[in-house]
Structures are given as structure tokens and as C-alpha cells.
Amino acid sequence: MATITFTHEPSLAELRETEAVYTRAMEYLVADGVREGEASKSVCWRRLNRLHQALPDRYGNPRALFLSLQAHQRSQKAA
């Protein structure tokens, strides 16, 4: 199986087009029980953070997304 590598940083336009992919990847990290410290080292976190830094009124902080997804997961388990 080939290893996926990231040879270049995508442009802001490319990040905007693929935001849903990185958000979904963050959902998978939370579902897999990855801790915040490890998640913050991930490609999806860095890319979502870049969007947030460039357009903070449009894109939220990846930490806030991570914590929100964790809270949602906990509420689903409690139900």
C-alpha cells in the first residue's frame, strides 16, 4: 500500500474547497479516542488552523471544533 505524503502546502482556495474533508478527519480522530495533544499534531488540525488564522470570522478554531465533537460524542454515549 502506498504511503500518502504531503509535498506542498495547499493554497487558501484549495483549503476552502476541502474544508469538509479536514472536518471529517477531525471527527474520525475524536471517534477513535485520540487525545487533544495528539490531534493538534495532525494534518487536519494544521489545515483547519490555517483557515482559522486566515479567515477567523468564517472558520472556527480547530480546538473549539475538537472539544465540540468530544462533547457531542459524550452526549451520544450517555443517551
PDB file of N, CA and C in Angstrom:
ATOM      1  N   MET A   1       0.837  -1.176   0.000  1.00  0.00           N
ATOM      2  CA  MET A   1       0.000   0.000   0.000  1.00  0.00           C
ATOM      3  C   MET A   1       0.884   1.242   0.000  1.00  0.00           C
ATOM      4  N   ALA A   2       0.581   2.201  -0.840  1.00  0.00           N
ATOM      5  CA  ALA A   2       1.368   3.424  -0.942  1.00  0.00           C
ATOM      6  C   ALA A   2       1.110   4.329   0.257  1.00  0.00           C
ATOM      7  N   THR A   3       2.137   5.041   0.655  1.00  0.00           N
ATOM      8  CA  THR A   3       2.016   5.989   1.748  1.00  0.00           C
ATOM      9  C   THR A   3       1.629   7.341   1.186  1.00  0.00           C
ATOM     10  N   ILE A   4       0.679   7.981   1.828  1.00  0.00           N
ATOM     11  CA  ILE A   4       0.266   9.315   1.410  1.00  0.00           C
ATOM     12  C   ILE A   4       1.268  10.317   1.970  1.00  0.00           C
ATOM     13  N   THR A   5       1.772  11.171   1.116  1.00  0.00           N
ATOM     14  CA  THR A   5       2.680  12.221   1.567  1.00  0.00           C
ATOM     15  C   THR A   5       2.124  13.575   1.156  1.00  0.00           C
ATOM     16  N   PHE A   6       2.496  14.576   1.895  1.00  0.00           N
ATOM     17  CA  PHE A   6       2.055  15.933   1.602  1.00  0.00           C
ATOM     18  C   PHE A   6       3.283  16.722   1.173  1.00  0.00           C
ATOM     19  N   THR A   7       3.418  16.919  -0.136  1.00  0.00           N
ATOM     20  CA  THR A   7       4.621  17.534  -0.667  1.00  0.00           C
ATOM     21  C   THR A   7       4.537  19.048  -0.760  1.00  0.00           C
ATOM     22  N   HIS A   8       3.344  19.594  -0.643  1.00  0.00           N
ATOM     23  CA  HIS A   8       3.212  21.046  -0.689  1.00  0.00           C
ATOM     24  C   HIS A   8       2.069  21.485   0.224  1.00  0.00           C
ATOM     25  N   GLU A   9       2.139  22.718   0.630  1.00  0.00           N
ATOM     26  CA  GLU A   9       1.043  23.285   1.408  1.00  0.00           C
ATOM     27  C   GLU A   9      -0.007  23.789   0.428  1.00  0.00           C
ATOM     28  N   PRO A  10      -1.243  23.394   0.600  1.00  0.00           N
ATOM     29  CA  PRO A  10      -2.289  23.851  -0.325  1.00  0.00           C
ATOM     30  C   PRO A  10      -2.541  25.347  -0.174  1.00  0.00           C
ATOM     31  N   SER A  11      -3.017  25.928  -1.240  1.00  0.00           N
ATOM     32  CA  SER A  11      -3.370  27.339  -1.202  1.00  0.00           C
ATOM     33  C   SER A  11      -4.609  27.525  -0.336  1.00  0.00           C
ATOM     34  N   LEU A  12      -4.885  28.741   0.030  1.00  0.00           N
ATOM     35  CA  LEU A  12      -6.068  29.048   0.823  1.00  0.00           C
ATOM     36  C   LEU A  12      -7.334  28.631   0.072  1.00  0.00           C
ATOM     37  N   ALA A  13      -7.345  28.841  -1.225  1.00  0.00           N
ATOM     38  CA  ALA A  13      -8.506  28.435  -2.033  1.00  0.00           C
ATOM     39  C   ALA A  13      -8.695  26.916  -1.985  1.00  0.00           C
ATOM     40  N   GLU A  14      -7.593  26.173  -2.083  1.00  0.00           N
ATOM     41  CA  GLU A  14      -7.684  24.714  -2.004  1.00  0.00           C
ATOM     42  C   GLU A  14      -8.174  24.272  -0.623  1.00  0.00           C
ATOM     43  N   LEU A  15      -7.699  24.938   0.416  1.00  0.00           N
ATOM     44  CA  LEU A  15      -8.152  24.604   1.766  1.00  0.00           C
ATOM     45  C   LEU A  15      -9.640  24.854   1.928  1.00  0.00           C
ATOM     46  N   ARG A  16     -10.100  25.962   1.389  1.00  0.00           N
ATOM     47  CA  ARG A  16     -11.529  26.282   1.488  1.00  0.00           C
ATOM     48  C   ARG A  16     -12.373  25.230   0.783  1.00  0.00           C
ATOM     49  N   GLU A  17     -11.884  24.735  -0.362  1.00  0.00           N
ATOM     50  CA  GLU A  17     -12.615  23.725  -1.122  1.00  0.00           C
ATOM     51  C   GLU A  17     -12.659  22.383  -0.400  1.00  0.00           C
ATOM     52  N   THR A  18     -11.653  22.112   0.410  1.00  0.00           N
ATOM     53  CA  THR A  18     -11.546  20.806   1.051  1.00  0.00           C
ATOM     54  C   THR A  18     -11.774  20.863   2.562  1.00  0.00           C
ATOM     55  N   GLU A  19     -12.338  21.932   3.057  1.00  0.00           N
ATOM     56  CA  GLU A  19     -12.587  22.077   4.492  1.00  0.00           C
ATOM     57  C   GLU A  19     -13.373  20.886   5.049  1.00  0.00           C
ATOM     58  N   ALA A  20     -14.373  20.429   4.328  1.00  0.00           N
ATOM     59  CA  ALA A  20     -15.208  19.323   4.809  1.00  0.00           C
ATOM     60  C   ALA A  20     -14.386  18.057   5.025  1.00  0.00           C
ATOM     61  N   VAL A  21     -13.379  17.844   4.205  1.00  0.00           N
ATOM     62  CA  VAL A  21     -12.521  16.662   4.344  1.00  0.00           C
ATOM     63  C   VAL A  21     -11.770  16.727   5.670  1.00  0.00           C
ATOM     64  N   TYR A  22     -11.228  17.892   5.995  1.00  0.00           N
ATOM     65  CA  TYR A  22     -10.456  18.037   7.229  1.00  0.00           C
ATOM     66  C   TYR A  22     -11.361  18.007   8.461  1.00  0.00           C
ATOM     67  N   THR A  23     -12.559  18.541   8.323  1.00  0.00           N
ATOM     68  CA  THR A  23     -13.520  18.461   9.423  1.00  0.00           C
ATOM     69  C   THR A  23     -13.906  17.004   9.674  1.00  0.00           C
ATOM     70  N   ARG A  24     -14.112  16.258   8.615  1.00  0.00           N
ATOM     71  CA  ARG A  24     -14.450  14.844   8.749  1.00  0.00           C
ATOM     72  C   ARG A  24     -13.290  14.070   9.381  1.00  0.00           C
ATOM     73  N   ALA A  25     -12.075  14.411   8.991  1.00  0.00           N
ATOM     74  CA  ALA A  25     -10.903  13.760   9.580  1.00  0.00           C
ATOM     75  C   ALA A  25     -10.840  14.033  11.082  1.00  0.00           C
ATOM     76  N   MET A  26     -11.199  15.241  11.490  1.00  0.00           N
ATOM     77  CA  MET A  26     -11.224  15.575  12.916  1.00  0.00           C
ATOM     78  C   MET A  26     -12.286  14.732  13.627  1.00  0.00           C
ATOM     79  N   GLU A  27     -13.420  14.527  12.976  1.00  0.00           N
ATOM     80  CA  GLU A  27     -14.466  13.667  13.551  1.00  0.00           C
ATOM     81  C   GLU A  27     -13.940  12.254  13.772  1.00  0.00           C
ATOM     82  N   TYR A  28     -13.171  11.755  12.813  1.00  0.00           N
ATOM     83  CA  TYR A  28     -12.592  10.416  12.959  1.00  0.00           C
ATOM     84  C   TYR A  28     -11.606  10.364  14.126  1.00  0.00           C
ATOM     85  N   LEU A  29     -10.806  11.402  14.287  1.00  0.00           N
ATOM     86  CA  LEU A  29      -9.859  11.433  15.404  1.00  0.00           C
ATOM     87  C   LEU A  29     -10.603  11.345  16.734  1.00  0.00           C
ATOM     88  N   VAL A  30     -11.669  12.122  16.860  1.00  0.00           N
ATOM     89  CA  VAL A  30     -12.458  12.105  18.097  1.00  0.00           C
ATOM     90  C   VAL A  30     -13.096  10.732  18.293  1.00  0.00           C
ATOM     91  N   ALA A  31     -13.658  10.182  17.240  1.00  0.00           N
ATOM     92  CA  ALA A  31     -14.300   8.869  17.333  1.00  0.00           C
ATOM     93  C   ALA A  31     -13.306   7.780  17.737  1.00  0.00           C
ATOM     94  N   ASP A  32     -12.056   7.947  17.316  1.00  0.00           N
ATOM     95  CA  ASP A  32     -11.018   6.973  17.654  1.00  0.00           C
ATOM     96  C   ASP A  32     -10.417   7.201  19.036  1.00  0.00           C
ATOM     97  N   GLY A  33     -10.875   8.236  19.724  1.00  0.00           N
ATOM     98  CA  GLY A  33     -10.395   8.490  21.071  1.00  0.00           C
ATOM     99  C   GLY A  33      -9.026   9.147  21.148  1.00  0.00           C
ATOM    100  N   VAL A  34      -8.612   9.806  20.086  1.00  0.00           N
ATOM    101  CA  VAL A  34      -7.318  10.478  20.068  1.00  0.00           C
ATOM    102  C   VAL A  34      -7.376  11.678  21.011  1.00  0.00           C
ATOM    103  N   ARG A  35      -6.337  11.837  21.803  1.00  0.00           N
ATOM    104  CA  ARG A  35      -6.278  12.961  22.749  1.00  0.00           C
ATOM    105  C   ARG A  35      -5.972  14.265  22.013  1.00  0.00           C
ATOM    106  N   GLU A  36      -6.361  15.367  22.649  1.00  0.00           N
ATOM    107  CA  GLU A  36      -6.184  16.681  22.032  1.00  0.00           C
ATOM    108  C   GLU A  36      -4.730  16.947  21.652  1.00  0.00           C
ATOM    109  N   GLY A  37      -3.809  16.586  22.521  1.00  0.00           N
ATOM    110  CA  GLY A  37      -2.394  16.821  22.243  1.00  0.00           C
ATOM    111  C   GLY A  37      -1.913  16.136  20.983  1.00  0.00           C
ATOM    112  N   GLU A  38      -2.375  14.921  20.776  1.00  0.00           N
ATOM    113  CA  GLU A  38      -2.007  14.190  19.561  1.00  0.00           C
ATOM    114  C   GLU A  38      -2.759  14.737  18.349  1.00  0.00           C
ATOM    115  N   ALA A  39      -4.031  15.044  18.533  1.00  0.00           N
ATOM    116  CA  ALA A  39      -4.830  15.572  17.424  1.00  0.00           C
ATOM    117  C   ALA A  39      -4.255  16.898  16.923  1.00  0.00           C
ATOM    118  N   SER A  40      -3.706  17.690  17.851  1.00  0.00           N
ATOM    119  CA  SER A  40      -3.172  19.003  17.455  1.00  0.00           C
ATOM    120  C   SER A  40      -1.937  18.886  16.564  1.00  0.00           C
ATOM    121  N   LYS A  41      -1.378  17.698  16.449  1.00  0.00           N
ATOM    122  CA  LYS A  41      -0.226  17.468  15.573  1.00  0.00           C
ATOM    123  C   LYS A  41      -0.644  16.958  14.196  1.00  0.00           C
ATOM    124  N   SER A  42      -1.929  16.761  14.004  1.00  0.00           N
ATOM    125  CA  SER A  42      -2.418  16.152  12.766  1.00  0.00           C
ATOM    126  C   SER A  42      -2.478  17.150  11.612  1.00  0.00           C
ATOM    127  N   VAL A  43      -2.491  16.605  10.418  1.00  0.00           N
ATOM    128  CA  VAL A  43      -2.613  17.424   9.209  1.00  0.00           C
ATOM    129  C   VAL A  43      -3.937  18.175   9.221  1.00  0.00           C
ATOM    130  N   CYS A  44      -5.019  17.498   9.591  1.00  0.00           N
ATOM    131  CA  CYS A  44      -6.325  18.170   9.551  1.00  0.00           C
ATOM    132  C   CYS A  44      -6.349  19.356  10.508  1.00  0.00           C
ATOM    133  N   TRP A  45      -5.761  19.210  11.690  1.00  0.00           N
ATOM    134  CA  TRP A  45      -5.730  20.312  12.661  1.00  0.00           C
ATOM    135  C   TRP A  45      -4.955  21.494  12.072  1.00  0.00           C
ATOM    136  N   ARG A  46      -3.783  21.210  11.491  1.00  0.00           N
ATOM    137  CA  ARG A  46      -2.963  22.293  10.927  1.00  0.00           C
ATOM    138  C   ARG A  46      -3.685  23.010   9.792  1.00  0.00           C
ATOM    139  N   ARG A  47      -4.365  22.243   8.972  1.00  0.00           N
ATOM    140  CA  ARG A  47      -5.054  22.860   7.828  1.00  0.00           C
ATOM    141  C   ARG A  47      -6.269  23.669   8.292  1.00  0.00           C
ATOM    142  N   LEU A  48      -7.013  23.140   9.261  1.00  0.00           N
ATOM    143  CA  LEU A  48      -8.146  23.904   9.802  1.00  0.00           C
ATOM    144  C   LEU A  48      -7.650  25.140  10.545  1.00  0.00           C
ATOM    145  N   ASN A  49      -6.524  25.026  11.202  1.00  0.00           N
ATOM    146  CA  ASN A  49      -5.962  26.176  11.900  1.00  0.00           C
ATOM    147  C   ASN A  49      -5.513  27.256  10.915  1.00  0.00           C
ATOM    148  N   ARG A  50      -4.965  26.829   9.798  1.00  0.00           N
ATOM    149  CA  ARG A  50      -4.558  27.803   8.776  1.00  0.00           C
ATOM    150  C   ARG A  50      -5.774  28.567   8.243  1.00  0.00           C
ATOM    151  N   LEU A  51      -6.874  27.850   8.020  1.00  0.00           N
ATOM    152  CA  LEU A  51      -8.105  28.521   7.601  1.00  0.00           C
ATOM    153  C   LEU A  51      -8.570  29.505   8.668  1.00  0.00           C
ATOM    154  N   HIS A  52      -8.538  29.074   9.912  1.00  0.00           N
ATOM    155  CA  HIS A  52      -8.969  29.929  11.019  1.00  0.00           C
ATOM    156  C   HIS A  52      -8.098  31.183  11.117  1.00  0.00           C
ATOM    157  N   GLN A  53      -6.809  31.034  10.974  1.00  0.00           N
ATOM    158  CA  GLN A  53      -5.908  32.183  11.059  1.00  0.00           C
ATOM    159  C   GLN A  53      -6.128  33.161   9.906  1.00  0.00           C
ATOM    160  N   ALA A  54      -6.403  32.631   8.728  1.00  0.00           N
ATOM    161  CA  ALA A  54      -6.597  33.488   7.559  1.00  0.00           C
ATOM    162  C   ALA A  54      -7.967  34.162   7.561  1.00  0.00           C
ATOM    163  N   LEU A  55      -8.987  33.433   7.997  1.00  0.00           N
ATOM    164  CA  LEU A  55     -10.364  33.932   7.954  1.00  0.00           C
ATOM    165  C   LEU A  55     -11.087  33.581   9.255  1.00  0.00           C
ATOM    166  N   PRO A  56     -10.710  34.221  10.357  1.00  0.00           N
ATOM    167  CA  PRO A  56     -11.268  33.828  11.657  1.00  0.00           C
ATOM    168  C   PRO A  56     -12.776  34.049  11.793  1.00  0.00           C
ATOM    169  N   ASP A  57     -13.336  34.969  11.028  1.00  0.00           N
ATOM    170  CA  ASP A  57     -14.784  35.189  11.103  1.00  0.00           C
ATOM    171  C   ASP A  57     -15.560  34.085  10.390  1.00  0.00           C
ATOM    172  N   ARG A  58     -14.901  33.402   9.474  1.00  0.00           N
ATOM    173  CA  ARG A  58     -15.562  32.354   8.690  1.00  0.00           C
ATOM    174  C   ARG A  58     -15.283  30.943   9.231  1.00  0.00           C
ATOM    175  N   TYR A  59     -14.060  30.729   9.721  1.00  0.00           N
ATOM    176  CA  TYR A  59     -13.651  29.395  10.154  1.00  0.00           C
ATOM    177  C   TYR A  59     -13.272  29.405  11.627  1.00  0.00           C
ATOM    178  N   GLY A  60     -13.802  28.448  12.357  1.00  0.00           N
ATOM    179  CA  GLY A  60     -13.561  28.367  13.787  1.00  0.00           C
ATOM    180  C   GLY A  60     -12.204  27.777  14.122  1.00  0.00           C
ATOM    181  N   ASN A  61     -11.846  27.915  15.371  1.00  0.00           N
ATOM    182  CA  ASN A  61     -10.613  27.372  15.904  1.00  0.00           C
ATOM    183  C   ASN A  61     -10.707  25.843  15.918  1.00  0.00           C
ATOM    184  N   PRO A  62      -9.677  25.131  15.461  1.00  0.00           N
ATOM    185  CA  PRO A  62      -9.750  23.674  15.471  1.00  0.00           C
ATOM    186  C   PRO A  62      -9.892  23.094  16.879  1.00  0.00           C
ATOM    187  N   ARG A  63      -9.363  23.774  17.875  1.00  0.00           N
ATOM    188  CA  ARG A  63      -9.517  23.293  19.250  1.00  0.00           C
ATOM    189  C   ARG A  63     -10.989  23.333  19.659  1.00  0.00           C
ATOM    190  N   ALA A  64     -11.670  24.410  19.308  1.00  0.00           N
ATOM    191  CA  ALA A  64     -13.094  24.516  19.620  1.00  0.00           C
ATOM    192  C   ALA A  64     -13.884  23.410  18.909  1.00  0.00           C
ATOM    193  N   LEU A  65     -13.531  23.139  17.665  1.00  0.00           N
ATOM    194  CA  LEU A  65     -14.187  22.058  16.929  1.00  0.00           C
ATOM    195  C   LEU A  65     -13.935  20.720  17.615  1.00  0.00           C
ATOM    196  N   PHE A  66     -12.692  20.464  17.985  1.00  0.00           N
ATOM    197  CA  PHE A  66     -12.327  19.212  18.635  1.00  0.00           C
ATOM    198  C   PHE A  66     -13.123  19.031  19.930  1.00  0.00           C
ATOM    199  N   LEU A  67     -13.163  20.073  20.757  1.00  0.00           N
ATOM    200  CA  LEU A  67     -13.880  19.986  22.032  1.00  0.00           C
ATOM    201  C   LEU A  67     -15.380  19.821  21.818  1.00  0.00           C
ATOM    202  N   SER A  68     -15.914  20.491  20.808  1.00  0.00           N
ATOM    203  CA  SER A  68     -17.329  20.355  20.488  1.00  0.00           C
ATOM    204  C   SER A  68     -17.653  18.930  20.043  1.00  0.00           C
ATOM    205  N   LEU A  69     -16.795  18.366  19.219  1.00  0.00           N
ATOM    206  CA  LEU A  69     -17.009  16.993  18.761  1.00  0.00           C
ATOM    207  C   LEU A  69     -16.899  16.002  19.914  1.00  0.00           C
ATOM    208  N   GLN A  70     -15.962  16.247  20.835  1.00  0.00           N
ATOM    209  CA  GLN A  70     -15.844  15.384  22.004  1.00  0.00           C
ATOM    210  C   GLN A  70     -17.105  15.453  22.862  1.00  0.00           C
ATOM    211  N   ALA A  71     -17.610  16.670  23.079  1.00  0.00           N
ATOM    212  CA  ALA A  71     -18.820  16.838  23.886  1.00  0.00           C
ATOM    213  C   ALA A  71     -20.002  16.131  23.222  1.00  0.00           C
ATOM    214  N   HIS A  72     -20.094  16.253  21.915  1.00  0.00           N
ATOM    215  CA  HIS A  72     -21.173  15.589  21.182  1.00  0.00           C
ATOM    216  C   HIS A  72     -21.053  14.067  21.318  1.00  0.00           C
ATOM    217  N   GLN A  73     -19.844  13.566  21.201  1.00  0.00           N
ATOM    218  CA  GLN A  73     -19.628  12.122  21.335  1.00  0.00           C
ATOM    219  C   GLN A  73     -20.021  11.642  22.734  1.00  0.00           C
ATOM    220  N   ARG A  74     -19.641  12.405  23.761  1.00  0.00           N
ATOM    221  CA  ARG A  74     -20.002  12.030  25.132  1.00  0.00           C
ATOM    222  C   ARG A  74     -21.517  12.038  25.315  1.00  0.00           C
ATOM    223  N   SER A  75     -22.190  13.023  24.741  1.00  0.00           N
ATOM    224  CA  SER A  75     -23.645  13.081  24.893  1.00  0.00           C
ATOM    225  C   SER A  75     -24.326  11.927  24.170  1.00  0.00           C
ATOM    226  N   GLN A  76     -23.737  11.490  23.062  1.00  0.00           N
ATOM    227  CA  GLN A  76     -24.297  10.339  22.340  1.00  0.00           C
ATOM    228  C   GLN A  76     -24.130   9.051  23.124  1.00  0.00           C
ATOM    229  N   LYS A  77     -22.996   8.933  23.817  1.00  0.00           N
ATOM    230  CA  LYS A  77     -22.759   7.735  24.628  1.00  0.00           C
ATOM    231  C   LYS A  77     -23.674   7.714  25.857  1.00  0.00           C
ATOM    232  N   ALA A  78     -23.966   8.896  26.399  1.00  0.00           N
ATOM    233  CA  ALA A  78     -24.813   8.981  27.599  1.00  0.00           C
ATOM    234  C   ALA A  78     -26.279   8.693  27.270  1.00  0.00           C
ATOM    235  N   ALA A  79     -26.666   8.942  26.031  1.00  0.00           N
ATOM    236  CA  ALA A  79     -28.080   8.751  25.642  1.00  0.00           C
ATOM    237  C   ALA A  79     -28.438   7.308  25.453  1.00  0.00           C
TER     238      ALA A  79
END
